[in-house]
C-alpha atoms as a PDB file:
ATOM      1  CA  MET A   1     -11.377  19.018 -93.269  1.00  0.00           C
ATOM      2  CA  GLN A   2     -11.907  18.315 -89.548  1.00  0.00           C
ATOM      3  CA  TRP A   3     -12.719  21.732 -88.899  1.00  0.00           C
ATOM      4  CA  PHE A   4     -15.387  21.732 -91.651  1.00  0.00           C
ATOM      5  CA  LYS A   5     -16.990  18.787 -89.866  1.00  0.00           C
ATOM      6  CA  SER A   6     -16.869  20.419 -86.482  1.00  0.00           C
ATOM      7  CA  ILE A   7     -18.440  23.593 -87.866  1.00  0.00           C
ATOM      8  CA  PHE A   8     -21.114  21.417 -89.671  1.00  0.00           C
ATOM      9  CA  ALA A   9     -21.838  19.550 -86.658  1.00  0.00           C
ATOM     10  CA  THR A  10     -22.297  22.674 -84.535  1.00  0.00           C
ATOM     11  CA  GLY A  11     -24.609  24.154 -87.217  1.00  0.00           C
ATOM     12  CA  GLU A  12     -26.621  21.013 -87.277  1.00  0.00           C
ATOM     13  CA  THR A  13     -26.928  21.099 -83.477  1.00  0.00           C
ATOM     14  CA  LEU A  14     -28.108  24.660 -83.509  1.00  0.00           C
ATOM     15  CA  PHE A  15     -30.509  24.007 -86.428  1.00  0.00           C
ATOM     16  CA  ASP A  16     -31.879  20.921 -84.443  1.00  0.00           C
ATOM     17  CA  ARG A  17     -32.480  23.101 -81.404  1.00  0.00           C
ATOM     18  CA  ILE A  18     -34.133  25.927 -83.404  1.00  0.00           C
ATOM     19  CA  LEU A  19     -36.472  23.186 -84.976  1.00  0.00           C
ATOM     20  CA  CYS A  20     -37.353  21.967 -81.403  1.00  0.00           C
ATOM     21  CA  VAL A  21     -38.426  25.593 -80.417  1.00  0.00           C
ATOM     22  CA  ALA A  22     -40.103  26.323 -83.719  1.00  0.00           C
ATOM     23  CA  GLY A  23     -42.062  22.977 -83.502  1.00  0.00           C
ATOM     24  CA  ALA A  24     -43.032  23.438 -79.808  1.00  0.00           C
ATOM     25  CA  VAL A  25     -43.993  27.020 -80.283  1.00  0.00           C
ATOM     26  CA  THR A  26     -46.107  26.248 -83.578  1.00  0.00           C
ATOM     27  CA  ILE A  27     -48.035  23.395 -82.450  1.00  0.00           C
ATOM     28  CA  SER A  28     -48.650  24.679 -78.941  1.00  0.00           C
ATOM     29  CA  GLN A  29     -50.676  27.477 -80.540  1.00  0.00           C
ATOM     30  CA  ALA A  30     -53.527  25.183 -81.694  1.00  0.00           C
ATOM     31  CA  PRO A  31     -55.355  25.103 -78.169  1.00  0.00           C
ATOM     32  CA  GLU A  32     -55.109  29.137 -78.299  1.00  0.00           C
ATOM     33  CA  PHE A  33     -56.449  29.243 -81.878  1.00  0.00           C
ATOM     34  CA  ILE A  34     -59.305  26.988 -80.989  1.00  0.00           C
ATOM     35  CA  GLN A  35     -60.184  29.031 -77.947  1.00  0.00           C
ATOM     36  CA  GLN A  36     -60.237  32.315 -79.973  1.00  0.00           C
ATOM     37  CA  TYR A  37     -62.117  30.631 -82.641  1.00  0.00           C
ATOM     38  CA  LEU A  38     -64.811  29.428 -79.965  1.00  0.00           C
ATOM     39  CA  GLN A  39     -65.145  32.966 -78.974  1.00  0.00           C
ATOM     40  CA  ARG A  40     -66.133  34.039 -82.288  1.00  0.00           C
ATOM     41  CA  LEU A  41     -68.340  31.083 -82.835  1.00  0.00           C
ATOM     42  CA  GLY A  42     -70.100  31.895 -79.752  1.00  0.00           C
ATOM     43  CA  GLY A  43     -70.571  35.466 -80.671  1.00  0.00           C
ATOM     44  CA  ARG A  44     -72.071  34.298 -84.132  1.00  0.00           C
ATOM     45  CA  LEU A  45     -74.126  31.885 -82.134  1.00  0.00           C
ATOM     46  CA  ASP A  46     -75.521  34.614 -79.775  1.00  0.00           C
ATOM     47  CA  GLU A  47     -76.257  36.867 -82.692  1.00  0.00           C
ATOM     48  CA  ALA A  48     -78.187  34.066 -84.572  1.00  0.00           C
ATOM     49  CA  ARG A  49     -80.170  33.213 -81.403  1.00  0.00           C
ATOM     50  CA  ARG A  50     -81.086  36.878 -81.047  1.00  0.00           C
ATOM     51  CA  GLN A  51     -82.252  36.986 -84.573  1.00  0.00           C
ATOM     52  CA  LEU A  52     -84.325  33.700 -84.201  1.00  0.00           C
ATOM     53  CA  SER A  53     -85.860  35.212 -80.968  1.00  0.00           C
ATOM     54  CA  GLN A  54     -87.122  38.182 -82.764  1.00  0.00           C
ATOM     55  CA  PHE A  55     -88.786  35.899 -85.252  1.00  0.00           C
ATOM     56  CA  ASP A  56     -90.083  33.707 -82.466  1.00  0.00           C
ATOM     57  CA  ASP A  57     -91.647  36.810 -80.767  1.00  0.00           C
ATOM     58  CA  VAL A  58     -93.441  37.807 -84.028  1.00  0.00           C
ATOM     59  CA  ALA A  59     -94.678  34.296 -84.596  1.00  0.00           C
ATOM     60  CA  ARG A  60     -95.927  34.177 -80.859  1.00  0.00           C
ATOM     61  CA  LYS A  61     -97.698  37.595 -81.274  1.00  0.00           C
ATOM     62  CA  SER A  62     -99.578  36.312 -84.354  1.00  0.00           C
ATOM     63  CA  GLY A  63    -100.655  33.070 -82.452  1.00  0.00           C
ATOM     64  CA  LEU A  64     -98.178  30.858 -84.609  1.00  0.00           C
ATOM     65  CA  THR A  65     -95.160  28.927 -83.957  1.00  0.00           C
ATOM     66  CA  ILE A  66     -91.899  30.010 -85.637  1.00  0.00           C
ATOM     67  CA  ASP A  67     -92.189  26.993 -88.238  1.00  0.00           C
ATOM     68  CA  GLN A  68     -95.728  28.061 -88.933  1.00  0.00           C
ATOM     69  CA  LEU A  69     -94.528  31.703 -89.450  1.00  0.00           C
ATOM     70  CA  ALA A  70     -91.868  30.637 -91.811  1.00  0.00           C
ATOM     71  CA  ALA A  71     -94.153  28.219 -93.863  1.00  0.00           C
ATOM     72  CA  LYS A  72     -96.788  31.009 -94.177  1.00  0.00           C
ATOM     73  CA  ALA A  73     -94.405  33.459 -95.319  1.00  0.00           C
ATOM     74  CA  THR A  74     -92.720  31.227 -97.654  1.00  0.00           C
ATOM     75  CA  ALA A  75     -96.048  30.192 -99.320  1.00  0.00           C
ATOM     76  CA  ASN A  76     -97.182  33.956 -99.624  1.00  0.00           C
ATOM     77  CA  SER A  77     -97.335  35.178-103.337  1.00  0.00           C
ATOM     78  CA  ASP A  78     -95.868  38.285-102.456  1.00  0.00           C
ATOM     79  CA  ALA A  79     -91.821  37.739-103.119  1.00  0.00           C
ATOM     80  CA  ALA A  80     -90.689  39.848-100.284  1.00  0.00           C
ATOM     81  CA  LEU A  81     -92.642  37.883 -97.839  1.00  0.00           C
ATOM     82  CA  ALA A  82     -91.760  34.439 -99.532  1.00  0.00           C
ATOM     83  CA  GLY A  83     -88.079  35.689 -99.052  1.00  0.00           C
ATOM     84  CA  LEU A  84     -88.569  36.538 -95.297  1.00  0.00           C
ATOM     85  CA  GLY A  85     -89.862  32.899 -94.851  1.00  0.00           C
ATOM     86  CA  LYS A  86     -86.633  31.549 -96.270  1.00  0.00           C
ATOM     87  CA  VAL A  87     -84.743  33.916 -93.803  1.00  0.00           C
ATOM     88  CA  VAL A  88     -86.541  32.510 -91.031  1.00  0.00           C
ATOM     89  CA  PHE A  89     -85.742  28.915 -91.975  1.00  0.00           C
ATOM     90  CA  GLU A  90     -82.095  29.768 -92.571  1.00  0.00           C
ATOM     91  CA  ALA A  91     -81.981  31.570 -89.163  1.00  0.00           C
ATOM     92  CA  GLU A  92     -83.269  28.123 -87.677  1.00  0.00           C
ATOM     93  CA  ARG A  93     -80.914  26.194 -89.411  1.00  0.00           C
ATOM     94  CA  ARG A  94     -77.948  28.487 -88.544  1.00  0.00           C
ATOM     95  CA  VAL A  95     -78.831  28.365 -84.926  1.00  0.00           C
ATOM     96  CA  SER A  96     -78.925  24.675 -85.004  1.00  0.00           C
ATOM     97  CA  SER A  97     -75.741  24.206 -86.741  1.00  0.00           C
ATOM     98  CA  LEU A  98     -73.599  26.792 -84.695  1.00  0.00           C
ATOM     99  CA  SER A  99     -75.094  25.182 -81.497  1.00  0.00           C
ATOM    100  CA  ALA A 100     -74.104  21.763 -82.765  1.00  0.00           C
ATOM    101  CA  ALA A 101     -70.504  22.931 -83.525  1.00  0.00           C
ATOM    102  CA  ASP A 102     -70.080  25.068 -80.113  1.00  0.00           C
ATOM    103  CA  LEU A 103     -71.235  22.241 -78.044  1.00  0.00           C
ATOM    104  CA  ALA A 104     -69.098  19.483 -79.831  1.00  0.00           C
ATOM    105  CA  ILE A 105     -65.895  21.565 -79.856  1.00  0.00           C
ATOM    106  CA  ARG A 106     -66.345  22.903 -76.197  1.00  0.00           C
ATOM    107  CA  GLU A 107     -67.356  19.360 -74.730  1.00  0.00           C
ATOM    108  CA  ALA A 108     -64.494  17.433 -76.610  1.00  0.00           C
ATOM    109  CA  SER A 109     -61.357  16.439 -74.624  1.00  0.00           C
ATOM    110  CA  PRO A 110     -58.331  18.426 -75.106  1.00  0.00           C
ATOM    111  CA  PHE A 111     -56.930  15.846 -77.387  1.00  0.00           C
ATOM    112  CA  THR A 112     -60.161  15.217 -79.351  1.00  0.00           C
ATOM    113  CA  ARG A 113     -60.988  18.835 -79.581  1.00  0.00           C
ATOM    114  CA  PRO A 114     -58.795  19.442 -82.968  1.00  0.00           C
ATOM    115  CA  LEU A 115     -60.782  16.538 -84.583  1.00  0.00           C
ATOM    116  CA  GLU A 116     -64.078  18.233 -83.565  1.00  0.00           C
ATOM    117  CA  PHE A 117     -62.755  21.649 -84.741  1.00  0.00           C
ATOM    118  CA  ILE A 118     -61.788  20.128 -88.103  1.00  0.00           C
ATOM    119  CA  HIS A 119     -65.294  18.329 -88.325  1.00  0.00           C
ATOM    120  CA  TYR A 120     -67.258  21.690 -87.646  1.00  0.00           C
ATOM    121  CA  TYR A 121     -64.920  23.943 -89.170  1.00  0.00           C
ATOM    122  CA  ASP A 122     -66.309  27.140 -90.627  1.00  0.00           C
ATOM    123  CA  ALA A 123     -63.980  28.770 -93.087  1.00  0.00           C
ATOM    124  CA  GLU A 124     -65.179  32.288 -92.562  1.00  0.00           C
ATOM    125  CA  ILE A 125     -65.111  31.972 -88.840  1.00  0.00           C
ATOM    126  CA  ALA A 126     -61.532  30.636 -89.070  1.00  0.00           C
ATOM    127  CA  ARG A 127     -60.385  33.278 -91.438  1.00  0.00           C
ATOM    128  CA  ASN A 128     -61.744  36.112 -89.051  1.00  0.00           C
ATOM    129  CA  THR A 129     -60.029  34.406 -86.190  1.00  0.00           C
ATOM    130  CA  TRP A 130     -56.881  34.177 -87.989  1.00  0.00           C
ATOM    131  CA  ALA A 131     -57.028  37.790 -88.867  1.00  0.00           C
ATOM    132  CA  VAL A 132     -57.134  38.857 -85.333  1.00  0.00           C
ATOM    133  CA  PHE A 133     -55.350  35.926 -83.591  1.00  0.00           C
ATOM    134  CA  ARG A 134     -52.686  36.701 -80.981  1.00  0.00           C
ATOM    135  CA  PRO A 135     -50.356  33.857 -80.139  1.00  0.00           C
ATOM    136  CA  ALA A 136     -50.087  33.003 -76.479  1.00  0.00           C
ATOM    137  CA  MET A 137     -47.725  31.074 -74.009  1.00  0.00           C
ATOM    138  CA  PRO A 138     -49.241  27.809 -73.206  1.00  0.00           C
ATOM    139  CA  THR A 139     -49.419  27.410 -69.572  1.00  0.00           C
ATOM    140  CA  THR A 140     -51.897  24.501 -69.251  1.00  0.00           C
ATOM    141  CA  VAL A 141     -51.167  20.638 -69.471  1.00  0.00           C
ATOM    142  CA  GLU A 142     -52.930  20.698 -72.866  1.00  0.00           C
ATOM    143  CA  GLY A 143     -50.738  23.574 -74.337  1.00  0.00           C
ATOM    144  CA  LEU A 144     -47.525  21.758 -72.840  1.00  0.00           C
ATOM    145  CA  VAL A 145     -48.544  18.269 -74.422  1.00  0.00           C
ATOM    146  CA  TYR A 146     -49.201  20.112 -77.966  1.00  0.00           C
ATOM    147  CA  ALA A 147     -45.829  21.778 -77.492  1.00  0.00           C
ATOM    148  CA  ALA A 148     -44.178  18.293 -76.924  1.00  0.00           C
ATOM    149  CA  VAL A 149     -46.079  16.959 -79.833  1.00  0.00           C
ATOM    150  CA  GLY A 150     -44.715  19.926 -82.148  1.00  0.00           C
ATOM    151  CA  LEU A 151     -41.204  19.251 -80.999  1.00  0.00           C
ATOM    152  CA  ILE A 152     -41.465  15.556 -81.795  1.00  0.00           C
ATOM    153  CA  PHE A 153     -43.329  16.280 -85.026  1.00  0.00           C
ATOM    154  CA  PHE A 154     -40.810  18.750 -86.334  1.00  0.00           C
ATOM    155  CA  LEU A 155     -37.802  16.799 -85.316  1.00  0.00           C
ATOM    156  CA  SER A 156     -39.201  13.568 -86.727  1.00  0.00           C
ATOM    157  CA  PHE A 157     -39.804  15.575 -90.109  1.00  0.00           C
ATOM    158  CA  TYR A 158     -36.262  16.806 -90.129  1.00  0.00           C
ATOM    159  CA  HIS A 159     -34.459  13.638 -89.093  1.00  0.00           C
ATOM    160  CA  GLY A 160     -36.662  11.288 -91.363  1.00  0.00           C
ATOM    161  CA  LEU A 161     -36.929  13.344 -94.473  1.00  0.00           C
ATOM    162  CA  VAL A 162     -33.969  15.656 -94.506  1.00  0.00           C
ATOM    163  CA  ARG A 163     -31.128  14.493 -92.281  1.00  0.00           C
ATOM    164  CA  TYR A 164     -31.223  10.911 -92.709  1.00  0.00           C
ATOM    165  CA  PRO A 165     -31.576  11.051 -96.597  1.00  0.00           C
ATOM    166  CA  CYS A 166     -28.748  13.692 -96.824  1.00  0.00           C
ATOM    167  CA  ARG A 167     -26.594  11.686 -94.756  1.00  0.00           C
ATOM    168  CA  ARG A 168     -27.168   8.689 -96.797  1.00  0.00           C
ATOM    169  CA  VAL A 169     -26.250  10.691 -99.838  1.00  0.00           C
ATOM    170  CA  TRP A 170     -23.283  12.018 -98.398  1.00  0.00           C
ATOM    171  CA  HIS A 171     -22.097   8.665 -97.302  1.00  0.00           C
ATOM    172  CA  SER A 172     -22.684   7.145-100.725  1.00  0.00           C
ATOM    173  CA  VAL A 173     -20.578   9.908-102.447  1.00  0.00           C
ATOM    174  CA  ALA A 174     -17.723   9.611-100.023  1.00  0.00           C
ATOM    175  CA  GLN A 175     -17.572   5.751-100.544  1.00  0.00           C
ATOM    176  CA  ARG A 176     -17.566   6.201-104.306  1.00  0.00           C
ATOM    177  CA  ARG A 177     -14.729   8.665-104.047  1.00  0.00           C
ATOM    178  CA  ALA A 178     -12.914   6.281-101.841  1.00  0.00           C
ATOM    179  CA  ARG A 179     -13.411   3.489-104.275  1.00  0.00           C
ATOM    180  CA  GLY A 180     -12.437   5.754-107.132  1.00  0.00           C
ATOM    181  CA  ALA A 181      -9.235   6.877-105.338  1.00  0.00           C
ATOM    182  CA  ARG A 182      -8.042   3.104-104.874  1.00  0.00           C
ATOM    183  CA  ALA A 183      -8.722   2.369-108.317  1.00  0.00           C
ATOM    184  CA  ILE A 184      -6.382   5.011-109.853  1.00  0.00           C
ATOM    185  CA  PRO A 185      -2.830   3.297-110.352  1.00  0.00           C
ATOM    186  CA  VAL A 186       0.040   5.308-108.970  1.00  0.00           C
ATOM    187  CA  PRO A 187       2.829   5.686-111.276  1.00  0.00           C
ATOM    188  CA  HIS A 188       6.221   4.588-110.137  1.00  0.00           C
ATOM    189  CA  ALA A 189       9.276   6.532-110.780  1.00  0.00           C
END
């Protein structure tokens, strides 16, 4: 039975170390994912600004502001022009929204960046980022801190929710068996 305990302890130590690596590698990818997300967000913002700039040029050439152009188009009885007015308003809203998200995430500290990312999360951009995401080895202090957090989180999860409860159950079963073995009378010959 001692050999079983030795093999189990070795396996548990190996599993413990694998969890350390898995936690560090997994969580350390957060800054890289956010960086790649920001690149896509910036691309969307550039494209939205380009589109808005085209509307602004048309408005200026007509002697209007972009808001006046959008309002005039929206009020038009022609459904196509009214729809164009809505597109202009949507372009303004999109530039404003993307600008706020880009600025907030870029300007956040390394440790508040995930919170800003969650606050301004865009599912479509995140999905597209994930589709082409390439993991990277963290070489910044931020990446190393995230790796340490991942290591601690995974180990805490394992020890708190798996190892400790299993050991309690194992110990309880062993105690019951020991009590049961003492309670059985041995026949005398």
